[in-house]
């Protein structure tokens, strides 16, 4: 049995929202080191539901707000700059995706039990698990920000550096 359309949209919207929250600065946030191994159900949930696939989109959102992006726009025009940067992000994404997915899985594992993640992944979770999922998205997002903001910076910086080299004659 799968998710209802509204539950699936909620999961997608919440996942996109928590990932977009990574670009926002929240002072004083830190994540404690996790000692426990990552439950397989957490990584399966993230990968099966494609929750980490917005890395490229999020990377572009960050990149397009930088001075480097503006420099590329000045050199080649907005449309070509968008194309070059998006191509670089897409090219680099596979190098960062596995770590991104793992970080997201760890963020979910910090808020949910292995059984809860399995129930969410299988579909049609019990109401208390579905409610917990909705209620914990901010926590998961903050955790993900702490785990992945540096990864996002490196990903975007590398893509912008490559794009800038392609934009300059």
Foldseek 3Di string as FASTA:
>chain_A
DAADPVLLVLLQVLLVVLLLCLLDDDPPFADDDDDDDQDPLLLCLCVLSVSQVCLLVSLLVNLCPDPLLVVLCVLPNDVVSSVQLSVLLVVCCVVLRVQLSVQLSVLVVVQDPSVLSNQVRVHDHPPVSSVSVSVCSNSSSSSSSNRPSVVSVVSSVVSSVVSSVVSDD
